[in-house]
Amino acid sequence: MFKNKLYKGLGLALICAAYTACKLPEVAQRAENKNTPVSFNGSQDTLSSASIQWRNFFTDPNLINLIDTALKNNQELNITLQDIEIAKNEIKAKKGELLPNVTYGAGAGLDKVGRYTSSGAGDASTEITPGKGVPEVLPDYRFGLQANWEADIWHKLRNAKKAAINHYLSTVEGKNFVITNLIAEVANSYYELLASDNQLETVRKNIELQSNALELMKIQKQATRVNELAVRKFEAEVLSSKSLEFDIQQDIIENENKINFLLGRFPQPIIRDKSNFTDLVPATVHAGLPAQLLANRPDIKQAEYELEAAKLDVKVAKAQFYPSLGISAAIGYQAFNPSYLLRTPESLIYSLAGDLAGPLINRNAIKAEYASANAKQLQAVFDYEKAILNGYIEVANQLSKISNLQKSYDLKSKQVTALTQSIDISNDLFKAARADYFEVLMTQRDALQSKLELIETKKQQLNAVVDIYQALGGGWK
């Protein structure tokens, strides 16, 4: 009768556990949106420059050598590589949880039981060998193996392993994203350095031109054609240009050191070709289709893997509500005398047990973990959609920027030509007393400013091409 009641009680407990496990908390659900516009600004171009290897995209051999060095020595990239190793080890740990946990052990001790206990009374009436009873203080020697294994009936452990794999793939894409950004940063810094070199050369030529004009003003003052004010104005302009020269030199030093930092080395000169900067032609870029960003941009792929991992984490958290089945087994030898320790079967011991356990009352911690897993899944959905939207907008902005910068550069080139010609015209008119010194001064100032702006626009053109190559997901392949 007692056994029947016990079985009924166990059965009722299992039914209750199953019922409460199935009754899960309500959580928000949202499917990710992978839809993208069919094209960039109506373009029918299906070829994406992201498929071009960076060695073929950039043609300057000095820049290629710099990028090569950065990919070997950059500290941030090397830190990311260690993240990949950490993620690899996490996969191994999750795989290990699927296998039985086997341990070995050995021990020795003394055991003294009370005479007026069931064990003590039994030992007192027992003879080990004829005429030799069980000692009152009984030694204990043992060694053996023990195994524990959780049967993954709800796929909790397998889903945890799959989540770890997705986290690993996410770190790989994170490394690719770092590579893409590193290449773009080195290239942009290199073009900024070339632009500063050319601005410095332009300012030095202008200083020479202004110095000649200053000498002309001094001669004109001696001839009483101009006063001391004209001389001071031109002298101030020369000093202003010389001050600008030192500002640009400082920019060059900082740009060089920025590149050296990206290359993981201490400051040293950056080898580069300083000539013909304004003649550089930006590479032609093919935007392709917006849908190609899903496969080409590492940050989008990284967000996708994190989303898959978050979905699996929800399944793992859900499985915590269900009963778990554990199996344990042990085998070894135990005896009170070392000489008896290896006798078989007298000293052989073994055990085999199965345990079924599940949460029944006070499951708030499991509910909280489940709700947090779902919230993280929603975060991953929003991160994924954000990455897609950000990628599309970056490409659209850069495409528009490239087009507008080309138009701006064409106009500024004409402006520089006109102002350069106006310098000679203003000098001739001044010598013929048909223009005053202020017109000569302003013409030289405007010409210098237009030349510096032209160099800046050329730099922006080159940077825009690098930026759209990065936005398309190029560089890591």
Protein backbone atom coordinates (compact mmCIF):
# COMPACT_ATOMS: atom_id res chain seq x y z
CA MET A 1 0.00 0.00 0.00
CA PHE A 2 2.81 2.39 0.91
CA LYS A 3 4.62 1.70 -2.39
CA ASN A 4 1.46 2.38 -4.42
CA LYS A 5 1.03 5.72 -2.70
CA LEU A 6 4.68 6.51 -3.36
CA TYR A 7 4.36 5.73 -7.08
CA LYS A 8 1.19 7.78 -7.32
CA GLY A 9 2.94 10.70 -5.64
CA LEU A 10 5.87 10.50 -8.04
CA GLY A 11 3.53 10.30 -11.02
CA LEU A 12 1.60 13.32 -9.80
CA ALA A 13 4.85 15.25 -9.39
CA LEU A 14 5.93 14.43 -12.94
CA ILE A 15 2.53 15.48 -14.34
CA CYS A 16 2.74 18.77 -12.43
CA ALA A 17 6.28 19.36 -13.65
CA ALA A 18 5.27 18.73 -17.25
CA TYR A 19 2.25 21.02 -16.95
CA THR A 20 4.14 23.89 -15.40
CA ALA A 21 6.94 23.50 -17.94
CA CYS A 22 4.54 23.86 -20.85
CA LYS A 23 2.93 26.98 -19.42
CA LEU A 24 5.60 29.51 -20.45
CA PRO A 25 5.53 33.29 -19.91
CA GLU A 26 4.24 35.47 -22.72
CA VAL A 27 7.04 37.23 -24.62
CA ALA A 28 7.23 39.64 -27.52
CA GLN A 29 8.07 38.18 -30.92
CA ARG A 30 9.28 40.02 -34.02
CA ALA A 31 10.62 38.74 -37.32
CA GLU A 32 13.58 40.56 -38.86
CA ASN A 33 13.03 42.67 -41.96
CA LYS A 34 15.53 41.88 -44.71
CA ASN A 35 13.81 43.94 -47.41
CA THR A 36 15.98 46.54 -49.13
CA PRO A 37 15.31 49.00 -51.97
CA VAL A 38 15.75 47.49 -55.42
CA SER A 39 18.54 49.90 -56.40
CA PHE A 40 20.63 52.90 -55.39
CA ASN A 41 19.00 56.05 -56.77
CA GLY A 42 17.51 54.11 -59.69
CA SER A 43 20.86 52.68 -60.85
CA GLN A 44 20.74 49.45 -62.88
CA ASP A 45 24.37 48.58 -62.09
CA THR A 46 24.59 44.97 -60.88
CA LEU A 47 28.39 44.86 -60.48
CA SER A 48 29.68 45.69 -56.99
CA SER A 49 33.20 47.01 -56.39
CA ALA A 50 33.15 45.13 -53.08
CA SER A 51 34.15 42.01 -55.02
CA ILE A 52 37.45 43.65 -56.06
CA GLN A 53 40.43 42.62 -53.92
CA TRP A 54 41.97 45.64 -52.21
CA ARG A 55 45.35 45.09 -53.89
CA ASN A 56 43.63 45.59 -57.22
CA PHE A 57 41.43 48.46 -56.07
CA PHE A 58 44.35 50.63 -54.95
CA THR A 59 47.09 51.25 -57.52
CA ASP A 60 49.66 53.28 -55.53
CA PRO A 61 52.47 50.82 -54.58
CA ASN A 62 53.42 52.92 -51.54
CA LEU A 63 49.86 52.75 -50.22
CA ILE A 64 49.70 49.00 -50.85
CA ASN A 65 52.89 48.50 -48.80
CA LEU A 66 51.43 50.55 -45.95
CA ILE A 67 48.20 48.53 -45.91
CA ASP A 68 50.21 45.29 -45.97
CA THR A 69 52.14 46.39 -42.89
CA ALA A 70 48.98 47.49 -41.09
CA LEU A 71 47.29 44.12 -41.66
CA LYS A 72 50.28 42.42 -40.01
CA ASN A 73 50.98 44.73 -37.08
CA ASN A 74 47.83 46.65 -36.16
CA GLN A 75 47.05 46.10 -32.47
CA GLU A 76 43.27 46.39 -32.78
CA LEU A 77 43.24 43.71 -35.47
CA ASN A 78 45.42 41.44 -33.35
CA ILE A 79 43.06 41.93 -30.40
CA THR A 80 40.17 40.89 -32.62
CA LEU A 81 42.05 37.75 -33.65
CA GLN A 82 42.22 36.79 -29.97
CA ASP A 83 38.45 37.24 -29.75
CA ILE A 84 38.19 34.56 -32.43
CA GLU A 85 40.36 32.21 -30.38
CA ILE A 86 38.17 32.83 -27.34
CA ALA A 87 35.06 32.03 -29.39
CA LYS A 88 36.71 28.82 -30.66
CA ASN A 89 37.36 27.69 -27.10
CA GLU A 90 33.74 28.40 -26.19
CA ILE A 91 32.63 25.98 -28.93
CA LYS A 92 34.92 23.30 -27.49
CA ALA A 93 33.46 23.89 -24.03
CA LYS A 94 29.89 23.55 -25.31
CA LYS A 95 30.78 20.37 -27.20
CA GLY A 96 32.26 18.95 -24.02
CA GLU A 97 28.97 19.46 -22.19
CA LEU A 98 27.31 17.02 -24.59
CA LEU A 99 29.70 14.22 -23.56
CA PRO A 100 29.77 12.32 -20.28
CA ASN A 101 31.90 13.83 -17.55
CA VAL A 102 34.29 11.07 -16.40
CA THR A 103 36.51 11.52 -13.35
CA TYR A 104 38.90 9.29 -11.48
CA GLY A 105 39.69 9.25 -7.82
CA ALA A 106 41.43 7.43 -5.00
CA GLY A 107 41.18 7.81 -1.27
CA ALA A 108 41.94 6.37 2.12
CA GLY A 109 40.43 6.88 5.56
CA LEU A 110 39.37 5.50 8.91
CA ASP A 111 35.86 4.73 10.03
CA LYS A 112 34.70 4.09 13.59
CA VAL A 113 30.99 3.42 14.07
CA GLY A 114 29.09 3.25 17.33
CA ARG A 115 28.64 -0.20 18.89
CA TYR A 116 24.95 0.37 19.52
CA THR A 117 24.08 1.23 15.90
CA SER A 118 22.86 -1.04 13.16
CA SER A 119 26.26 -0.88 11.42
CA GLY A 120 28.15 -1.38 14.67
CA ALA A 121 26.00 -4.28 15.79
CA GLY A 122 26.38 -5.90 12.38
CA ASP A 123 30.17 -5.50 12.42
CA ALA A 124 30.39 -6.98 15.91
CA SER A 125 28.64 -10.14 14.83
CA THR A 126 30.60 -10.53 11.61
CA GLU A 127 33.86 -12.37 11.10
CA ILE A 128 36.19 -11.40 8.29
CA THR A 129 37.85 -14.76 8.47
CA PRO A 130 37.11 -17.58 10.88
CA GLY A 131 38.01 -16.38 14.33
CA LYS A 132 38.79 -12.78 13.22
CA GLY A 133 36.13 -10.14 13.67
CA VAL A 134 35.73 -6.72 12.09
CA PRO A 135 38.07 -4.19 13.74
CA GLU A 136 36.43 -1.44 15.79
CA VAL A 137 38.40 1.19 13.85
CA LEU A 138 38.02 0.15 10.26
CA PRO A 139 40.40 1.47 7.55
CA ASP A 140 38.94 2.28 4.11
CA TYR A 141 40.87 2.21 0.82
CA ARG A 142 39.24 2.89 -2.52
CA PHE A 143 39.85 3.94 -6.11
CA GLY A 144 37.74 3.98 -9.26
CA LEU A 145 35.99 5.92 -12.03
CA GLN A 146 32.81 7.98 -11.93
CA ALA A 147 30.75 9.29 -14.86
CA ASN A 148 27.90 11.80 -15.05
CA TRP A 149 25.91 12.57 -18.17
CA GLU A 150 22.89 14.72 -18.89
CA ALA A 151 20.69 13.31 -21.63
CA ASP A 152 20.00 16.23 -23.99
CA ILE A 153 16.36 15.31 -24.57
CA TRP A 154 15.25 18.93 -25.09
CA HIS A 155 18.27 19.92 -27.23
CA LYS A 156 19.34 22.44 -24.61
CA LEU A 157 23.02 21.56 -24.84
CA ARG A 158 23.00 21.20 -28.63
CA ASN A 159 21.36 24.59 -29.06
CA ALA A 160 23.93 26.11 -26.71
CA LYS A 161 26.67 24.63 -28.90
CA LYS A 162 25.02 26.02 -32.05
CA ALA A 163 24.77 29.44 -30.38
CA ALA A 164 28.49 29.28 -29.59
CA ILE A 165 29.21 28.47 -33.25
CA ASN A 166 27.21 31.52 -34.35
CA HIS A 167 29.06 33.69 -31.86
CA TYR A 168 32.32 32.38 -33.34
CA LEU A 169 31.17 33.20 -36.88
CA SER A 170 30.16 36.63 -35.62
CA THR A 171 33.67 37.25 -34.29
CA VAL A 172 35.11 36.23 -37.67
CA GLU A 173 32.89 38.82 -39.36
CA GLY A 174 33.92 41.30 -36.67
CA LYS A 175 37.54 40.68 -37.69
CA ASN A 176 36.59 41.26 -41.34
CA PHE A 177 34.88 44.51 -40.35
CA VAL A 178 38.04 45.66 -38.56
CA ILE A 179 40.07 44.83 -41.68
CA THR A 180 37.71 46.85 -43.89
CA ASN A 181 37.85 49.84 -41.56
CA LEU A 182 41.63 49.57 -41.16
CA ILE A 183 42.24 49.58 -44.91
CA ALA A 184 39.95 52.57 -45.35
CA GLU A 185 41.58 54.48 -42.49
CA VAL A 186 45.10 53.90 -43.81
CA ALA A 187 44.08 54.93 -47.34
CA ASN A 188 42.25 58.07 -46.18
CA SER A 189 45.16 59.10 -43.95
CA TYR A 190 47.57 58.52 -46.84
CA TYR A 191 45.57 60.79 -49.15
CA GLU A 192 45.32 63.42 -46.39
CA LEU A 193 49.11 63.28 -46.13
CA LEU A 194 49.51 63.76 -49.89
CA ALA A 195 47.08 66.67 -49.80
CA SER A 196 49.06 68.34 -47.00
CA ASP A 197 52.29 67.87 -48.98
CA ASN A 198 50.77 69.64 -51.96
CA GLN A 199 49.25 72.39 -49.85
CA LEU A 200 52.68 72.98 -48.30
CA GLU A 201 54.26 73.22 -51.75
CA THR A 202 51.54 75.64 -52.88
CA VAL A 203 52.01 77.87 -49.83
CA ARG A 204 55.78 77.97 -50.34
CA LYS A 205 55.35 79.01 -53.97
CA ASN A 206 52.89 81.65 -52.85
CA ILE A 207 55.35 82.93 -50.24
CA GLU A 208 57.91 83.41 -53.00
CA LEU A 209 55.31 85.23 -55.10
CA GLN A 210 54.28 87.42 -52.18
CA SER A 211 57.89 88.17 -51.31
CA ASN A 212 58.47 89.41 -54.85
CA ALA A 213 55.36 91.56 -54.59
CA LEU A 214 56.65 92.94 -51.26
CA GLU A 215 59.93 93.93 -52.90
CA LEU A 216 57.96 95.60 -55.68
CA MET A 217 55.99 97.59 -53.10
CA LYS A 218 59.20 98.73 -51.44
CA ILE A 219 60.51 99.94 -54.81
CA GLN A 220 57.19 101.66 -55.53
CA LYS A 221 57.33 103.36 -52.13
CA GLN A 222 60.80 104.75 -52.91
CA ALA A 223 59.30 106.08 -56.11
CA THR A 224 56.48 107.61 -54.01
CA ARG A 225 53.85 105.65 -55.96
CA VAL A 226 52.63 103.87 -52.82
CA ASN A 227 52.82 104.67 -49.14
CA GLU A 228 54.07 102.75 -46.08
CA LEU A 229 50.62 101.17 -45.63
CA ALA A 230 50.99 99.16 -48.84
CA VAL A 231 54.38 97.86 -47.74
CA ARG A 232 53.03 96.84 -44.32
CA LYS A 233 50.01 95.13 -45.86
CA PHE A 234 52.17 92.98 -48.16
CA GLU A 235 54.62 92.27 -45.35
CA ALA A 236 51.75 91.08 -43.14
CA GLU A 237 50.52 88.83 -45.94
CA VAL A 238 53.95 87.20 -46.25
CA LEU A 239 54.06 86.58 -42.50
CA SER A 240 50.57 85.08 -42.57
CA SER A 241 51.58 82.62 -45.29
CA LYS A 242 54.74 81.66 -43.40
CA SER A 243 52.60 80.97 -40.32
CA LEU A 244 50.31 78.82 -42.46
CA GLU A 245 53.38 76.94 -43.67
CA PHE A 246 54.18 75.81 -40.11
CA ASP A 247 50.55 74.82 -39.49
CA ILE A 248 50.65 72.55 -42.53
CA GLN A 249 54.00 71.09 -41.45
CA GLN A 250 52.42 70.16 -38.12
CA ASP A 251 49.50 68.52 -39.94
CA ILE A 252 52.00 66.47 -41.96
CA ILE A 253 53.76 65.25 -38.81
CA GLU A 254 50.46 64.30 -37.18
CA ASN A 255 49.24 62.49 -40.31
CA GLU A 256 52.49 60.57 -40.57
CA ASN A 257 52.27 59.53 -36.93
CA LYS A 258 48.63 58.55 -37.34
CA ILE A 259 49.62 56.19 -40.15
CA ASN A 260 52.51 54.85 -38.09
CA PHE A 261 50.12 54.14 -35.24
CA LEU A 262 47.78 52.24 -37.57
CA LEU A 263 50.83 50.28 -38.76
CA GLY A 264 51.77 49.43 -35.17
CA ARG A 265 55.18 51.11 -35.23
CA PHE A 266 56.94 54.11 -33.75
CA PRO A 267 57.17 57.39 -35.75
CA GLN A 268 59.20 57.24 -38.92
CA PRO A 269 58.95 58.88 -42.38
CA ILE A 270 56.15 57.66 -44.64
CA ILE A 271 57.39 56.82 -48.14
CA ARG A 272 55.15 58.48 -50.73
CA ASP A 273 55.09 60.18 -54.11
CA LYS A 274 54.30 63.87 -53.52
CA SER A 275 54.06 64.90 -57.16
CA ASN A 276 50.99 65.20 -59.37
CA PHE A 277 48.46 64.94 -56.56
CA THR A 278 45.85 67.01 -58.36
CA ASP A 279 46.26 64.78 -61.43
CA LEU A 280 45.22 61.63 -59.53
CA VAL A 281 42.07 60.11 -60.99
CA PRO A 282 39.72 58.48 -58.45
CA ALA A 283 38.91 54.86 -59.17
CA THR A 284 35.59 54.06 -60.81
CA VAL A 285 33.19 52.54 -58.32
CA HIS A 286 30.28 50.19 -59.06
CA ALA A 287 27.62 50.23 -56.36
CA GLY A 288 25.79 47.09 -57.43
CA LEU A 289 22.43 46.23 -55.84
CA PRO A 290 21.42 46.99 -52.25
CA ALA A 291 20.67 43.31 -51.64
CA GLN A 292 24.37 42.55 -52.20
CA LEU A 293 25.18 44.45 -49.01
CA LEU A 294 23.72 41.54 -47.02
CA ALA A 295 26.54 39.31 -48.26
CA ASN A 296 29.36 41.84 -48.64
CA ARG A 297 29.25 43.99 -45.50
CA PRO A 298 30.87 42.25 -42.52
CA ASP A 299 28.90 44.29 -39.96
CA ILE A 300 25.60 43.13 -41.47
CA LYS A 301 26.75 39.51 -41.50
CA GLN A 302 28.01 39.90 -37.94
CA ALA A 303 24.61 41.20 -36.83
CA GLU A 304 22.94 38.30 -38.65
CA TYR A 305 25.03 35.69 -36.81
CA GLU A 306 24.36 37.41 -33.50
CA LEU A 307 20.64 37.27 -34.29
CA GLU A 308 20.83 33.53 -34.97
CA ALA A 309 22.73 33.05 -31.70
CA ALA A 310 20.09 35.05 -29.83
CA LYS A 311 17.32 32.83 -31.24
CA LEU A 312 19.15 29.74 -30.03
CA ASP A 313 19.70 31.32 -26.62
CA VAL A 314 15.92 31.67 -26.33
CA LYS A 315 15.54 27.94 -26.99
CA VAL A 316 18.17 27.17 -24.36
CA ALA A 317 16.38 29.36 -21.82
CA LYS A 318 13.05 27.73 -22.71
CA ALA A 319 14.49 24.26 -22.12
CA GLN A 320 15.23 25.24 -18.51
CA PHE A 321 11.51 24.84 -17.77
CA TYR A 322 11.56 21.16 -18.75
CA PRO A 323 12.74 18.25 -16.60
CA SER A 324 16.34 17.15 -17.11
CA LEU A 325 17.47 13.53 -17.15
CA GLY A 326 20.81 12.81 -15.52
CA ILE A 327 22.60 9.47 -15.57
CA SER A 328 25.47 8.64 -13.23
CA ALA A 329 27.65 5.56 -12.97
CA ALA A 330 30.67 4.51 -10.95
CA ILE A 331 32.99 1.52 -10.84
CA GLY A 332 36.03 0.78 -8.70
CA TYR A 333 37.49 -1.15 -5.81
CA GLN A 334 37.05 -0.66 -2.07
CA ALA A 335 38.42 -2.63 0.90
CA PHE A 336 39.53 -2.14 4.50
CA ASN A 337 42.89 -3.74 3.78
CA PRO A 338 45.18 -2.91 0.84
CA SER A 339 45.89 -6.61 0.32
CA TYR A 340 42.20 -7.17 -0.41
CA LEU A 341 41.80 -4.11 -2.63
CA LEU A 342 42.14 -5.80 -6.03
CA ARG A 343 40.18 -8.95 -5.25
CA THR A 344 37.37 -9.52 -7.70
CA PRO A 345 34.46 -9.66 -7.22
CA GLU A 346 34.75 -9.31 -3.42
CA SER A 347 36.17 -5.74 -3.51
CA LEU A 348 34.54 -4.63 -6.76
CA ILE A 349 31.96 -1.84 -6.39
CA TYR A 350 29.76 -0.24 -9.01
CA SER A 351 26.61 1.84 -9.27
CA LEU A 352 24.20 3.08 -11.92
CA ALA A 353 21.47 5.66 -11.33
CA GLY A 354 19.14 7.87 -13.28
CA ASP A 355 17.61 11.14 -12.03
CA LEU A 356 14.72 13.09 -13.48
CA ALA A 357 14.31 16.60 -12.06
CA GLY A 358 12.51 19.73 -13.13
CA PRO A 359 11.42 23.08 -11.72
CA LEU A 360 8.09 22.97 -9.92
CA ILE A 361 7.72 25.91 -7.54
CA ASN A 362 9.38 29.35 -7.48
CA ARG A 363 10.57 29.48 -11.08
CA ASN A 364 11.05 33.26 -11.09
CA ALA A 365 14.77 33.03 -11.86
CA ILE A 366 14.10 30.81 -14.89
CA LYS A 367 11.27 33.08 -16.04
CA ALA A 368 13.53 36.11 -15.73
CA GLU A 369 16.28 34.41 -17.72
CA TYR A 370 13.78 33.42 -20.41
CA ALA A 371 12.36 36.96 -20.62
CA SER A 372 15.91 38.41 -20.84
CA ALA A 373 16.78 35.99 -23.65
CA ASN A 374 13.73 37.16 -25.60
CA ALA A 375 14.58 40.81 -24.97
CA LYS A 376 18.11 40.19 -26.26
CA GLN A 377 16.63 38.50 -29.31
CA LEU A 378 14.58 41.62 -30.04
CA GLN A 379 17.71 43.73 -29.59
CA ALA A 380 19.50 41.50 -32.10
CA VAL A 381 16.63 41.96 -34.58
CA PHE A 382 16.82 45.74 -34.26
CA ASP A 383 20.64 45.67 -34.53
CA TYR A 384 20.37 43.62 -37.72
CA GLU A 385 17.81 45.96 -39.28
CA LYS A 386 19.87 48.96 -38.18
CA ALA A 387 23.00 47.52 -39.83
CA ILE A 388 21.13 47.03 -43.13
CA LEU A 389 19.63 50.53 -43.03
CA ASN A 390 22.97 52.11 -42.10
CA GLY A 391 24.75 50.27 -44.91
CA TYR A 392 22.27 51.44 -47.53
CA ILE A 393 22.36 55.07 -46.36
CA GLU A 394 26.18 55.12 -46.28
CA VAL A 395 26.38 53.92 -49.89
CA ALA A 396 23.67 56.35 -51.05
CA ASN A 397 25.43 59.27 -49.36
CA GLN A 398 28.82 58.42 -50.86
CA LEU A 399 27.38 57.98 -54.36
CA SER A 400 25.85 61.45 -54.14
CA LYS A 401 29.06 62.85 -52.66
CA ILE A 402 31.22 61.49 -55.49
CA SER A 403 28.94 63.05 -58.09
CA ASN A 404 28.80 66.46 -56.40
CA LEU A 405 32.52 66.55 -55.65
CA GLN A 406 33.32 65.94 -59.32
CA LYS A 407 31.15 68.92 -60.32
CA SER A 408 32.71 71.04 -57.58
CA TYR A 409 36.24 70.07 -58.63
CA ASP A 410 35.59 71.04 -62.26
CA LEU A 411 34.37 74.48 -61.21
CA LYS A 412 37.22 75.03 -58.76
CA SER A 413 39.74 74.10 -61.46
CA LYS A 414 38.34 76.86 -63.65
CA GLN A 415 38.41 79.22 -60.67
CA VAL A 416 42.10 78.47 -60.02
CA THR A 417 42.94 79.06 -63.69
CA ALA A 418 41.12 82.38 -63.71
CA LEU A 419 42.67 83.61 -60.46
CA THR A 420 46.17 82.49 -61.48
CA GLN A 421 45.84 84.51 -64.69
CA SER A 422 44.46 87.45 -62.73
CA ILE A 423 47.69 87.68 -60.69
CA ASP A 424 49.72 88.60 -63.79
CA ILE A 425 46.95 90.92 -64.95
CA SER A 426 46.78 92.72 -61.60
CA ASN A 427 50.59 93.13 -61.54
CA ASP A 428 50.61 94.59 -65.05
CA LEU A 429 47.75 96.95 -64.21
CA PHE A 430 49.50 98.04 -61.03
CA LYS A 431 52.72 98.77 -62.91
CA ALA A 432 50.69 100.81 -65.39
CA ALA A 433 49.03 102.69 -62.50
CA ARG A 434 45.61 101.32 -63.50
CA ALA A 435 45.11 99.26 -60.34
CA ASP A 436 45.99 99.92 -56.71
CA TYR A 437 48.03 97.70 -54.38
CA PHE A 438 44.92 96.44 -52.60
CA GLU A 439 43.67 94.76 -55.78
CA VAL A 440 47.03 93.04 -56.24
CA LEU A 441 46.97 91.89 -52.61
CA MET A 442 43.43 90.50 -52.76
CA THR A 443 44.10 88.76 -56.07
CA GLN A 444 47.08 86.91 -54.62
CA ARG A 445 45.12 85.99 -51.49
CA ASP A 446 42.15 84.67 -53.49
CA ALA A 447 44.43 82.68 -55.79
CA LEU A 448 46.13 81.00 -52.82
CA GLN A 449 42.80 80.18 -51.19
CA SER A 450 41.40 78.72 -54.40
CA LYS A 451 44.48 76.50 -54.89
CA LEU A 452 44.24 75.18 -51.34
CA GLU A 453 40.53 74.51 -51.81
CA LEU A 454 41.21 72.66 -55.06
CA ILE A 455 43.67 70.36 -53.27
CA GLU A 456 41.14 69.84 -50.46
CA THR A 457 38.44 68.92 -52.97
CA LYS A 458 40.76 66.43 -54.68
CA LYS A 459 41.45 64.86 -51.28
CA GLN A 460 37.71 64.65 -50.59
CA GLN A 461 37.22 62.95 -53.96
CA LEU A 462 39.81 60.29 -53.17
CA ASN A 463 38.42 59.83 -49.65
CA ALA A 464 34.89 59.47 -51.01
CA VAL A 465 35.99 56.61 -53.26
CA VAL A 466 37.68 54.90 -50.31
CA ASP A 467 34.59 55.45 -48.15
CA ILE A 468 32.18 53.96 -50.67
CA TYR A 469 34.51 50.97 -51.16
CA GLN A 470 34.31 50.51 -47.40
CA ALA A 471 30.53 51.09 -47.35
CA LEU A 472 30.01 48.43 -50.00
CA GLY A 473 31.92 45.94 -47.85
CA GLY A 474 35.14 45.84 -49.84
CA GLY A 475 38.61 45.14 -48.51
CA TRP A 476 38.24 42.07 -46.31
CA LYS A 477 38.07 39.45 -49.08
